């Protein structure tokens, strides 16, 4: 369900981009298309010395429409993806979490998992993108509200939990982290 919503937003975003490009091309092409104009008869206009030149109001109106139309399409084409960036992709039901999996790729059932673990246990599971993630069991035999990514951000190795030292200790570069 989460993936279908994500693919819908991707499809919507691509559709809006294509639509905005087509509208911009149509609006700009219309500006250069020749129009059929009835031949005008030449008339002389007696103007006083202080009066300005003749301004074709219809042409000005058309040019203003083209200008406003192309600006509107451009702003709309930029505004829609910008606004959609702030719309969360998983706005449908569920808790929005990621299902943890064991080493074999089977989903972890919370009740069974907690029954088989001791308090303050930190065991590896598969988290986001299959990365090793620690599931932490609290004193009251419930899960922490988060999982810790076990992959070192500096050198990429898996950081083990050292129970005797009560901290995570990176074997690659010696960094140590205490969770409490």
N, C-alpha and C. Protein backbone atom coordinates (compact mmCIF):
# COMPACT_ATOMS: atom_id res chain seq x y z
N UNK A 1 0.83 -1.19 0.00
CA UNK A 1 0.00 0.00 0.00
C UNK A 1 0.88 1.26 0.00
N UNK A 2 1.96 1.20 0.79
CA UNK A 2 2.87 2.34 0.86
C UNK A 2 3.55 2.56 -0.49
N UNK A 3 3.90 1.42 -1.16
CA UNK A 3 4.59 1.55 -2.43
C UNK A 3 3.65 2.06 -3.51
N UNK A 4 2.36 1.66 -3.45
CA UNK A 4 1.43 2.13 -4.46
C UNK A 4 1.19 3.63 -4.31
N UNK A 5 1.14 4.12 -3.06
CA UNK A 5 0.99 5.57 -2.85
C UNK A 5 2.21 6.32 -3.36
N UNK A 6 3.39 5.74 -3.12
CA UNK A 6 4.63 6.38 -3.58
C UNK A 6 4.67 6.41 -5.10
N UNK A 7 4.29 5.29 -5.75
CA UNK A 7 4.31 5.27 -7.21
C UNK A 7 3.24 6.20 -7.78
N UNK A 8 2.11 6.36 -7.07
CA UNK A 8 1.09 7.31 -7.52
C UNK A 8 1.64 8.73 -7.51
N UNK A 9 2.35 9.11 -6.43
CA UNK A 9 2.90 10.47 -6.36
C UNK A 9 3.98 10.67 -7.41
N UNK A 10 4.77 9.63 -7.71
CA UNK A 10 5.77 9.76 -8.77
C UNK A 10 5.07 9.95 -10.12
N UNK A 11 4.03 9.16 -10.38
CA UNK A 11 3.28 9.29 -11.63
C UNK A 11 2.65 10.67 -11.72
N UNK A 12 2.08 11.17 -10.62
CA UNK A 12 1.44 12.47 -10.58
C UNK A 12 2.46 13.57 -10.86
N UNK A 13 3.64 13.44 -10.25
CA UNK A 13 4.67 14.46 -10.43
C UNK A 13 5.15 14.50 -11.88
N UNK A 14 5.37 13.34 -12.48
CA UNK A 14 5.82 13.28 -13.88
C UNK A 14 4.74 13.83 -14.80
N UNK A 15 3.47 13.47 -14.52
CA UNK A 15 2.36 13.96 -15.34
C UNK A 15 2.28 15.48 -15.28
N UNK A 16 2.42 16.05 -14.09
CA UNK A 16 2.35 17.51 -13.94
C UNK A 16 3.50 18.19 -14.68
N UNK A 17 4.69 17.59 -14.64
CA UNK A 17 5.82 18.19 -15.35
C UNK A 17 5.59 18.18 -16.85
N UNK A 18 5.12 17.04 -17.37
CA UNK A 18 4.87 16.93 -18.81
C UNK A 18 3.77 17.90 -19.22
N UNK A 19 2.71 17.99 -18.41
CA UNK A 19 1.61 18.90 -18.71
C UNK A 19 2.07 20.35 -18.71
N UNK A 20 2.90 20.73 -17.74
CA UNK A 20 3.37 22.11 -17.70
C UNK A 20 4.28 22.43 -18.89
N UNK A 21 5.08 21.47 -19.32
CA UNK A 21 5.94 21.69 -20.48
C UNK A 21 5.09 21.86 -21.74
N UNK A 22 4.08 21.00 -21.91
CA UNK A 22 3.21 21.10 -23.09
C UNK A 22 2.45 22.43 -23.12
N UNK A 23 1.94 22.85 -21.96
CA UNK A 23 1.22 24.13 -21.91
C UNK A 23 2.14 25.30 -22.21
N UNK A 24 3.36 25.25 -21.70
CA UNK A 24 4.31 26.32 -21.97
C UNK A 24 4.66 26.38 -23.45
N UNK A 25 4.83 25.20 -24.07
CA UNK A 25 5.14 25.16 -25.49
C UNK A 25 3.96 25.68 -26.32
N UNK A 26 2.74 25.33 -25.93
CA UNK A 26 1.57 25.79 -26.68
C UNK A 26 1.41 27.30 -26.55
N UNK A 27 1.63 27.81 -25.33
CA UNK A 27 1.47 29.25 -25.12
C UNK A 27 2.54 30.03 -25.88
N UNK A 28 3.77 29.53 -25.86
CA UNK A 28 4.82 30.27 -26.56
C UNK A 28 4.69 30.12 -28.07
N UNK A 29 4.19 28.99 -28.56
CA UNK A 29 4.01 28.81 -30.00
C UNK A 29 2.91 29.71 -30.53
N UNK A 30 1.89 29.95 -29.72
CA UNK A 30 0.78 30.80 -30.16
C UNK A 30 1.25 32.25 -30.35
N UNK A 31 2.28 32.63 -29.66
CA UNK A 31 2.77 34.01 -29.79
C UNK A 31 3.41 34.25 -31.15
N UNK A 32 3.93 33.19 -31.77
CA UNK A 32 4.63 33.34 -33.04
C UNK A 32 3.80 32.92 -34.24
N UNK A 33 2.60 32.44 -34.02
CA UNK A 33 1.75 32.00 -35.13
C UNK A 33 1.17 33.22 -35.84
N UNK A 34 1.22 33.22 -37.17
CA UNK A 34 0.65 34.36 -37.89
C UNK A 34 -0.88 34.32 -37.76
N UNK A 35 -1.46 35.48 -37.68
CA UNK A 35 -2.91 35.56 -37.55
C UNK A 35 -3.49 36.18 -38.83
N UNK A 36 -4.71 35.79 -39.13
CA UNK A 36 -5.39 36.37 -40.29
C UNK A 36 -5.94 37.73 -39.89
N UNK A 37 -5.50 38.72 -40.57
CA UNK A 37 -5.94 40.07 -40.27
C UNK A 37 -6.59 40.65 -41.53
N UNK A 38 -7.73 41.24 -41.33
CA UNK A 38 -8.38 41.88 -42.46
C UNK A 38 -7.55 43.09 -42.87
N UNK A 39 -7.40 43.31 -44.16
CA UNK A 39 -6.60 44.46 -44.59
C UNK A 39 -7.24 45.76 -44.08
N UNK A 40 -6.39 46.59 -43.61
CA UNK A 40 -6.86 47.86 -43.07
C UNK A 40 -6.74 48.94 -44.14
N UNK A 41 -7.69 49.78 -44.10
CA UNK A 41 -7.59 50.90 -45.03
C UNK A 41 -6.78 52.00 -44.34
N UNK A 42 -6.00 52.64 -45.11
CA UNK A 42 -5.15 53.70 -44.58
C UNK A 42 -5.99 54.96 -44.45
N UNK A 43 -6.03 55.43 -43.25
CA UNK A 43 -6.74 56.69 -43.03
C UNK A 43 -5.77 57.65 -42.39
N UNK A 44 -5.95 58.84 -42.66
CA UNK A 44 -5.09 59.83 -42.04
C UNK A 44 -5.77 60.34 -40.79
N UNK A 45 -4.98 60.47 -39.79
CA UNK A 45 -5.50 60.95 -38.52
C UNK A 45 -4.83 62.28 -38.25
N UNK A 46 -5.65 63.24 -38.03
CA UNK A 46 -5.11 64.54 -37.67
C UNK A 46 -4.86 64.56 -36.17
N UNK A 47 -3.59 64.63 -35.81
CA UNK A 47 -3.24 64.66 -34.40
C UNK A 47 -2.62 66.01 -34.09
N UNK A 48 -2.91 66.42 -32.90
CA UNK A 48 -2.29 67.66 -32.46
C UNK A 48 -0.82 67.37 -32.16
N UNK A 49 -0.05 68.37 -32.04
CA UNK A 49 1.39 68.21 -31.87
C UNK A 49 1.74 67.47 -30.58
N UNK A 50 0.97 67.57 -29.51
CA UNK A 50 1.30 66.95 -28.23
C UNK A 50 0.79 65.53 -28.08
N UNK A 51 0.01 65.00 -29.02
CA UNK A 51 -0.57 63.67 -28.87
C UNK A 51 0.46 62.61 -29.26
N UNK A 52 0.34 61.39 -28.61
CA UNK A 52 1.28 60.29 -28.84
C UNK A 52 0.95 59.53 -30.10
N UNK A 53 1.62 58.43 -30.26
CA UNK A 53 1.42 57.59 -31.44
C UNK A 53 0.24 56.66 -31.23
N UNK A 54 -0.21 56.05 -32.28
CA UNK A 54 -1.35 55.15 -32.25
C UNK A 54 -0.94 53.82 -31.60
N UNK A 55 -1.74 53.30 -30.62
CA UNK A 55 -1.46 52.04 -29.94
C UNK A 55 -2.58 51.08 -30.26
N UNK A 56 -2.22 49.92 -30.76
CA UNK A 56 -3.20 48.90 -31.10
C UNK A 56 -3.61 48.17 -29.81
N UNK A 57 -4.78 48.46 -29.27
CA UNK A 57 -5.25 47.90 -28.01
C UNK A 57 -5.46 46.38 -28.08
N UNK A 58 -5.92 45.89 -29.21
CA UNK A 58 -6.16 44.45 -29.34
C UNK A 58 -4.84 43.67 -29.28
N UNK A 59 -3.84 44.16 -29.96
CA UNK A 59 -2.54 43.51 -29.94
C UNK A 59 -1.94 43.55 -28.52
N UNK A 60 -2.07 44.67 -27.86
CA UNK A 60 -1.57 44.79 -26.48
C UNK A 60 -2.27 43.78 -25.57
N UNK A 61 -3.58 43.63 -25.73
CA UNK A 61 -4.36 42.70 -24.92
C UNK A 61 -3.88 41.26 -25.15
N UNK A 62 -3.66 40.89 -26.41
CA UNK A 62 -3.20 39.54 -26.74
C UNK A 62 -1.80 39.31 -26.15
N UNK A 63 -0.92 40.26 -26.29
CA UNK A 63 0.43 40.12 -25.74
C UNK A 63 0.40 39.99 -24.22
N UNK A 64 -0.48 40.75 -23.56
CA UNK A 64 -0.62 40.63 -22.10
C UNK A 64 -1.13 39.24 -21.72
N UNK A 65 -2.07 38.71 -22.49
CA UNK A 65 -2.56 37.36 -22.22
C UNK A 65 -1.45 36.33 -22.37
N UNK A 66 -0.65 36.46 -23.41
CA UNK A 66 0.47 35.53 -23.62
C UNK A 66 1.47 35.64 -22.48
N UNK A 67 1.79 36.85 -22.09
CA UNK A 67 2.73 37.06 -20.99
C UNK A 67 2.20 36.46 -19.70
N UNK A 68 0.96 36.76 -19.33
CA UNK A 68 0.39 36.24 -18.10
C UNK A 68 0.21 34.72 -18.17
N UNK A 69 -0.18 34.21 -19.32
CA UNK A 69 -0.35 32.76 -19.47
C UNK A 69 0.96 32.02 -19.31
N UNK A 70 2.01 32.49 -19.97
CA UNK A 70 3.30 31.79 -19.86
C UNK A 70 3.89 31.94 -18.47
N UNK A 71 3.69 33.09 -17.83
CA UNK A 71 4.16 33.26 -16.45
C UNK A 71 3.38 32.35 -15.51
N UNK A 72 2.08 32.24 -15.72
CA UNK A 72 1.25 31.37 -14.89
C UNK A 72 1.62 29.91 -15.03
N UNK A 73 1.87 29.47 -16.26
CA UNK A 73 2.28 28.08 -16.49
C UNK A 73 3.64 27.82 -15.83
N UNK A 74 4.55 28.77 -15.96
CA UNK A 74 5.87 28.60 -15.36
C UNK A 74 5.78 28.54 -13.84
N UNK A 75 5.07 29.47 -13.24
CA UNK A 75 4.93 29.48 -11.78
C UNK A 75 4.19 28.23 -11.31
N UNK A 76 3.14 27.82 -12.02
CA UNK A 76 2.41 26.61 -11.65
C UNK A 76 3.28 25.37 -11.79
N UNK A 77 4.07 25.32 -12.85
CA UNK A 77 4.96 24.18 -13.05
C UNK A 77 6.03 24.07 -11.98
N UNK A 78 6.43 25.20 -11.42
CA UNK A 78 7.40 25.18 -10.33
C UNK A 78 6.72 24.99 -8.98
N UNK A 79 5.53 25.54 -8.81
CA UNK A 79 4.85 25.50 -7.52
C UNK A 79 4.31 24.12 -7.18
N UNK A 80 3.79 23.39 -8.16
CA UNK A 80 3.19 22.09 -7.87
C UNK A 80 4.22 21.12 -7.29
N UNK A 81 5.39 20.89 -7.92
CA UNK A 81 6.37 19.99 -7.30
C UNK A 81 6.87 20.52 -5.95
N UNK A 82 7.00 21.84 -5.84
CA UNK A 82 7.46 22.43 -4.58
C UNK A 82 6.47 22.12 -3.46
N UNK A 83 5.20 22.28 -3.71
CA UNK A 83 4.17 22.01 -2.69
C UNK A 83 4.10 20.52 -2.41
N UNK A 84 4.20 19.68 -3.44
CA UNK A 84 4.14 18.23 -3.24
C UNK A 84 5.33 17.71 -2.44
N UNK A 85 6.43 18.46 -2.44
CA UNK A 85 7.58 18.07 -1.64
C UNK A 85 7.22 18.02 -0.15
N UNK A 86 6.33 18.90 0.28
CA UNK A 86 5.96 18.98 1.68
C UNK A 86 4.81 18.06 2.07
N UNK A 87 4.20 17.38 1.11
CA UNK A 87 3.13 16.44 1.40
C UNK A 87 3.77 15.10 1.73
N UNK A 88 3.51 14.54 2.91
CA UNK A 88 4.15 13.28 3.27
C UNK A 88 3.68 12.15 2.36
N UNK A 89 4.60 11.28 1.92
CA UNK A 89 4.23 10.23 0.97
C UNK A 89 3.31 9.17 1.56
N UNK A 90 3.41 8.89 2.84
CA UNK A 90 2.59 7.85 3.45
C UNK A 90 1.48 8.44 4.28
N UNK A 91 0.59 9.21 3.68
CA UNK A 91 -0.45 9.86 4.46
C UNK A 91 -1.61 8.92 4.75
N UNK A 92 -1.56 7.67 4.26
CA UNK A 92 -2.61 6.69 4.53
C UNK A 92 -2.35 5.97 5.83
N UNK A 93 -3.22 5.04 6.22
CA UNK A 93 -3.21 4.34 7.52
C UNK A 93 -1.86 3.75 7.90
N UNK A 94 -1.87 3.03 8.99
CA UNK A 94 -0.66 2.39 9.50
C UNK A 94 0.18 3.34 10.31
N UNK A 95 1.17 2.79 10.98
CA UNK A 95 2.03 3.58 11.84
C UNK A 95 3.17 4.23 11.10
N UNK A 96 3.39 3.89 9.86
CA UNK A 96 4.47 4.50 9.10
C UNK A 96 5.82 3.88 9.40
N UNK A 97 5.87 2.81 10.20
CA UNK A 97 7.13 2.17 10.54
C UNK A 97 7.56 1.19 9.47
N UNK A 98 8.76 0.64 9.66
CA UNK A 98 9.30 -0.35 8.75
C UNK A 98 9.27 -1.69 9.46
N UNK A 99 8.83 -2.73 8.78
CA UNK A 99 8.78 -4.06 9.38
C UNK A 99 10.19 -4.60 9.54
N UNK A 100 10.53 -4.99 10.77
CA UNK A 100 11.85 -5.58 11.03
C UNK A 100 11.82 -7.04 10.60
N UNK A 101 12.96 -7.52 10.13
CA UNK A 101 13.07 -8.91 9.66
C UNK A 101 14.28 -9.56 10.32
N UNK A 102 14.21 -10.88 10.46
CA UNK A 102 15.34 -11.61 11.03
C UNK A 102 16.40 -11.85 9.97
N UNK A 103 17.43 -12.63 10.33
CA UNK A 103 18.56 -12.86 9.42
C UNK A 103 18.14 -13.60 8.16
N UNK A 104 17.04 -14.37 8.22
CA UNK A 104 16.58 -15.11 7.05
C UNK A 104 15.58 -14.32 6.21
N UNK A 105 15.23 -13.13 6.65
CA UNK A 105 14.29 -12.29 5.91
C UNK A 105 12.84 -12.48 6.31
N UNK A 106 12.58 -13.24 7.39
CA UNK A 106 11.22 -13.43 7.89
C UNK A 106 10.83 -12.26 8.80
N UNK A 107 9.58 -11.84 8.71
CA UNK A 107 9.13 -10.74 9.56
C UNK A 107 9.19 -11.14 11.02
N UNK A 108 9.61 -10.20 11.87
CA UNK A 108 9.70 -10.45 13.30
C UNK A 108 8.34 -10.12 13.92
N UNK A 109 7.77 -11.08 14.65
CA UNK A 109 6.51 -10.89 15.36
C UNK A 109 6.87 -10.42 16.77
N UNK A 110 6.39 -9.25 17.16
CA UNK A 110 6.81 -8.61 18.40
C UNK A 110 6.58 -9.49 19.62
N UNK A 111 5.42 -10.09 19.75
CA UNK A 111 5.09 -10.88 20.94
C UNK A 111 6.05 -12.06 21.11
N UNK A 112 6.28 -12.79 20.01
CA UNK A 112 7.19 -13.95 20.06
C UNK A 112 8.63 -13.50 20.31
N UNK A 113 9.03 -12.42 19.66
CA UNK A 113 10.39 -11.92 19.79
C UNK A 113 10.67 -11.50 21.23
N UNK A 114 9.75 -10.72 21.82
CA UNK A 114 9.93 -10.24 23.19
C UNK A 114 9.93 -11.39 24.19
N UNK A 115 9.16 -12.46 23.94
CA UNK A 115 9.13 -13.60 24.84
C UNK A 115 10.46 -14.35 24.84
N UNK A 116 11.17 -14.30 23.71
CA UNK A 116 12.44 -15.04 23.60
C UNK A 116 13.65 -14.21 24.02
N UNK A 117 13.48 -12.94 24.36
CA UNK A 117 14.62 -12.08 24.69
C UNK A 117 14.56 -11.64 26.15
N UNK A 118 15.74 -11.35 26.71
CA UNK A 118 15.84 -10.82 28.07
C UNK A 118 15.68 -9.30 28.05
N UNK A 119 15.43 -8.72 29.22
CA UNK A 119 15.37 -7.26 29.34
C UNK A 119 16.73 -6.68 28.99
N UNK A 120 16.75 -5.49 28.40
CA UNK A 120 17.96 -4.77 27.97
C UNK A 120 18.73 -5.49 26.86
N UNK A 121 18.06 -6.38 26.13
CA UNK A 121 18.69 -7.08 25.02
C UNK A 121 18.82 -6.16 23.82
N UNK A 122 19.90 -6.32 23.12
CA UNK A 122 20.12 -5.59 21.87
C UNK A 122 20.50 -6.62 20.82
N UNK A 123 19.55 -6.95 19.94
CA UNK A 123 19.77 -7.97 18.91
C UNK A 123 19.68 -7.34 17.54
N UNK A 124 20.42 -7.90 16.60
CA UNK A 124 20.41 -7.39 15.23
C UNK A 124 19.21 -7.91 14.46
N UNK A 125 18.67 -7.05 13.63
CA UNK A 125 17.58 -7.39 12.71
C UNK A 125 17.84 -6.63 11.42
N UNK A 126 17.03 -6.91 10.40
CA UNK A 126 17.12 -6.14 9.17
C UNK A 126 16.19 -4.95 9.28
N UNK A 127 16.73 -3.75 9.07
CA UNK A 127 15.91 -2.55 9.12
C UNK A 127 15.76 -1.92 7.75
N UNK A 128 15.90 -0.61 7.68
CA UNK A 128 15.77 0.11 6.41
C UNK A 128 16.79 -0.38 5.40
N UNK A 129 16.34 -0.61 4.18
CA UNK A 129 17.19 -1.03 3.07
C UNK A 129 17.99 -2.28 3.39
N UNK A 130 17.52 -3.09 4.35
CA UNK A 130 18.23 -4.32 4.70
C UNK A 130 19.44 -4.11 5.57
N UNK A 131 19.69 -2.88 6.03
CA UNK A 131 20.83 -2.61 6.91
C UNK A 131 20.64 -3.29 8.25
N UNK A 132 21.75 -3.68 8.87
CA UNK A 132 21.71 -4.25 10.21
C UNK A 132 21.22 -3.18 11.18
N UNK A 133 20.21 -3.53 11.96
CA UNK A 133 19.60 -2.58 12.89
C UNK A 133 19.40 -3.26 14.24
N UNK A 134 19.76 -2.58 15.32
CA UNK A 134 19.56 -3.14 16.66
C UNK A 134 18.14 -2.86 17.12
N UNK A 135 17.46 -3.92 17.57
CA UNK A 135 16.18 -3.78 18.25
C UNK A 135 16.48 -3.83 19.74
N UNK A 136 16.04 -2.83 20.47
CA UNK A 136 16.39 -2.71 21.88
C UNK A 136 15.17 -3.06 22.73
N UNK A 137 15.34 -4.03 23.63
CA UNK A 137 14.28 -4.43 24.54
C UNK A 137 14.51 -3.69 25.86
N UNK A 138 13.48 -2.97 26.32
CA UNK A 138 13.60 -2.19 27.56
C UNK A 138 13.41 -3.09 28.78
N UNK A 139 13.57 -2.51 29.98
CA UNK A 139 13.43 -3.24 31.26
C UNK A 139 12.06 -3.89 31.39
N UNK A 140 11.00 -3.23 30.92
CA UNK A 140 9.64 -3.75 31.06
C UNK A 140 9.27 -4.72 29.93
N UNK A 141 10.28 -5.23 29.20
CA UNK A 141 10.09 -6.19 28.11
C UNK A 141 9.22 -5.64 26.97
N UNK A 142 9.41 -4.38 26.64
CA UNK A 142 8.79 -3.76 25.47
C UNK A 142 9.92 -3.20 24.61
N UNK A 143 9.59 -2.90 23.37
CA UNK A 143 10.60 -2.33 22.47
C UNK A 143 10.80 -0.85 22.76
N UNK A 144 12.01 -0.38 22.50
CA UNK A 144 12.27 1.06 22.43
C UNK A 144 11.50 1.57 21.23
N UNK A 145 11.20 2.85 21.20
CA UNK A 145 10.42 3.42 20.09
C UNK A 145 11.28 3.64 18.84
N UNK A 146 12.52 3.22 18.87
CA UNK A 146 13.41 3.41 17.73
C UNK A 146 14.32 2.18 17.60
N UNK A 147 14.94 2.05 16.46
CA UNK A 147 15.98 1.05 16.24
C UNK A 147 17.27 1.77 15.90
N UNK A 148 18.39 1.19 16.26
CA UNK A 148 19.68 1.83 15.98
C UNK A 148 20.35 1.15 14.78
N UNK A 149 20.72 1.94 13.80
CA UNK A 149 21.43 1.40 12.65
C UNK A 149 22.81 0.95 13.12
N UNK A 150 23.17 -0.30 12.82
CA UNK A 150 24.41 -0.87 13.32
C UNK A 150 25.59 -0.64 12.39
N UNK A 151 25.38 0.05 11.28
CA UNK A 151 26.46 0.27 10.31
C UNK A 151 27.19 1.56 10.66
N UNK A 152 28.51 1.46 10.79
CA UNK A 152 29.35 2.61 11.12
C UNK A 152 29.26 3.65 10.00
N UNK A 153 28.96 4.89 10.36
CA UNK A 153 28.82 5.94 9.34
C UNK A 153 30.17 6.38 8.79
N UNK A 154 31.25 6.06 9.47
CA UNK A 154 32.58 6.48 9.00
C UNK A 154 33.19 5.48 8.04
N UNK A 155 33.23 4.19 8.45
CA UNK A 155 33.93 3.19 7.64
C UNK A 155 33.05 2.06 7.14
N UNK A 156 31.77 2.03 7.54
CA UNK A 156 30.82 1.08 6.98
C UNK A 156 30.80 -0.31 7.57
N UNK A 157 31.50 -0.56 8.68
CA UNK A 157 31.46 -1.89 9.27
C UNK A 157 30.31 -1.97 10.28
N UNK A 158 29.92 -3.21 10.65
CA UNK A 158 28.84 -3.40 11.62
C UNK A 158 29.42 -3.24 13.02
N UNK A 159 28.79 -2.39 13.81
CA UNK A 159 29.25 -2.08 15.17
C UNK A 159 28.56 -3.01 16.16
N UNK A 160 29.32 -3.85 16.87
CA UNK A 160 28.69 -4.78 17.82
C UNK A 160 28.39 -4.12 19.17
N UNK A 161 27.42 -4.74 19.87
CA UNK A 161 27.09 -4.32 21.24
C UNK A 161 27.98 -5.09 22.19
N UNK A 162 28.65 -4.37 23.07
CA UNK A 162 29.49 -5.00 24.08
C UNK A 162 28.73 -4.97 25.40
N UNK A 163 28.13 -6.13 25.78
CA UNK A 163 27.33 -6.20 27.02
C UNK A 163 28.17 -5.94 28.27
N UNK A 164 29.40 -6.49 28.38
CA UNK A 164 30.18 -6.22 29.61
C UNK A 164 30.51 -4.74 29.79
N UNK A 165 30.73 -4.02 28.67
CA UNK A 165 31.05 -2.59 28.75
C UNK A 165 29.81 -1.71 28.69
N UNK A 166 28.66 -2.31 28.37
CA UNK A 166 27.39 -1.60 28.26
C UNK A 166 27.45 -0.46 27.25
N UNK A 167 28.06 -0.75 26.09
CA UNK A 167 28.13 0.26 25.03
C UNK A 167 28.43 -0.40 23.69
N UNK A 168 28.20 0.35 22.62
CA UNK A 168 28.56 -0.09 21.28
C UNK A 168 30.01 0.29 21.05
N UNK A 169 30.79 -0.64 20.47
CA UNK A 169 32.22 -0.38 20.25
C UNK A 169 32.56 -0.71 18.80
N UNK A 170 32.97 0.29 18.03
CA UNK A 170 33.28 0.10 16.62
C UNK A 170 34.65 -0.58 16.47
N UNK A 171 34.70 -1.72 15.78
CA UNK A 171 35.98 -2.40 15.59
C UNK A 171 36.86 -1.72 14.53
N UNK A 172 36.27 -0.87 13.70
CA UNK A 172 37.04 -0.25 12.61
C UNK A 172 37.90 0.90 13.10
N UNK A 173 37.32 1.78 13.91
CA UNK A 173 38.11 2.95 14.32
C UNK A 173 38.02 3.24 15.82
N UNK A 174 37.45 2.32 16.61
CA UNK A 174 37.51 2.42 18.06
C UNK A 174 36.50 3.36 18.70
N UNK A 175 35.57 3.90 17.96
CA UNK A 175 34.56 4.79 18.54
C UNK A 175 33.65 3.98 19.46
N UNK A 176 33.17 4.63 20.53
CA UNK A 176 32.31 3.97 21.51
C UNK A 176 31.10 4.84 21.80
N UNK A 177 29.92 4.19 21.91
CA UNK A 177 28.68 4.92 22.17
C UNK A 177 27.90 4.21 23.26
N UNK A 178 27.47 4.95 24.26
CA UNK A 178 26.63 4.42 25.32
C UNK A 178 25.21 4.94 25.07
N UNK A 179 24.20 4.07 25.17
CA UNK A 179 22.83 4.47 24.81
C UNK A 179 22.05 5.09 25.95
N UNK A 180 22.45 4.97 27.18
CA UNK A 180 21.68 5.56 28.28
C UNK A 180 22.35 6.75 28.78
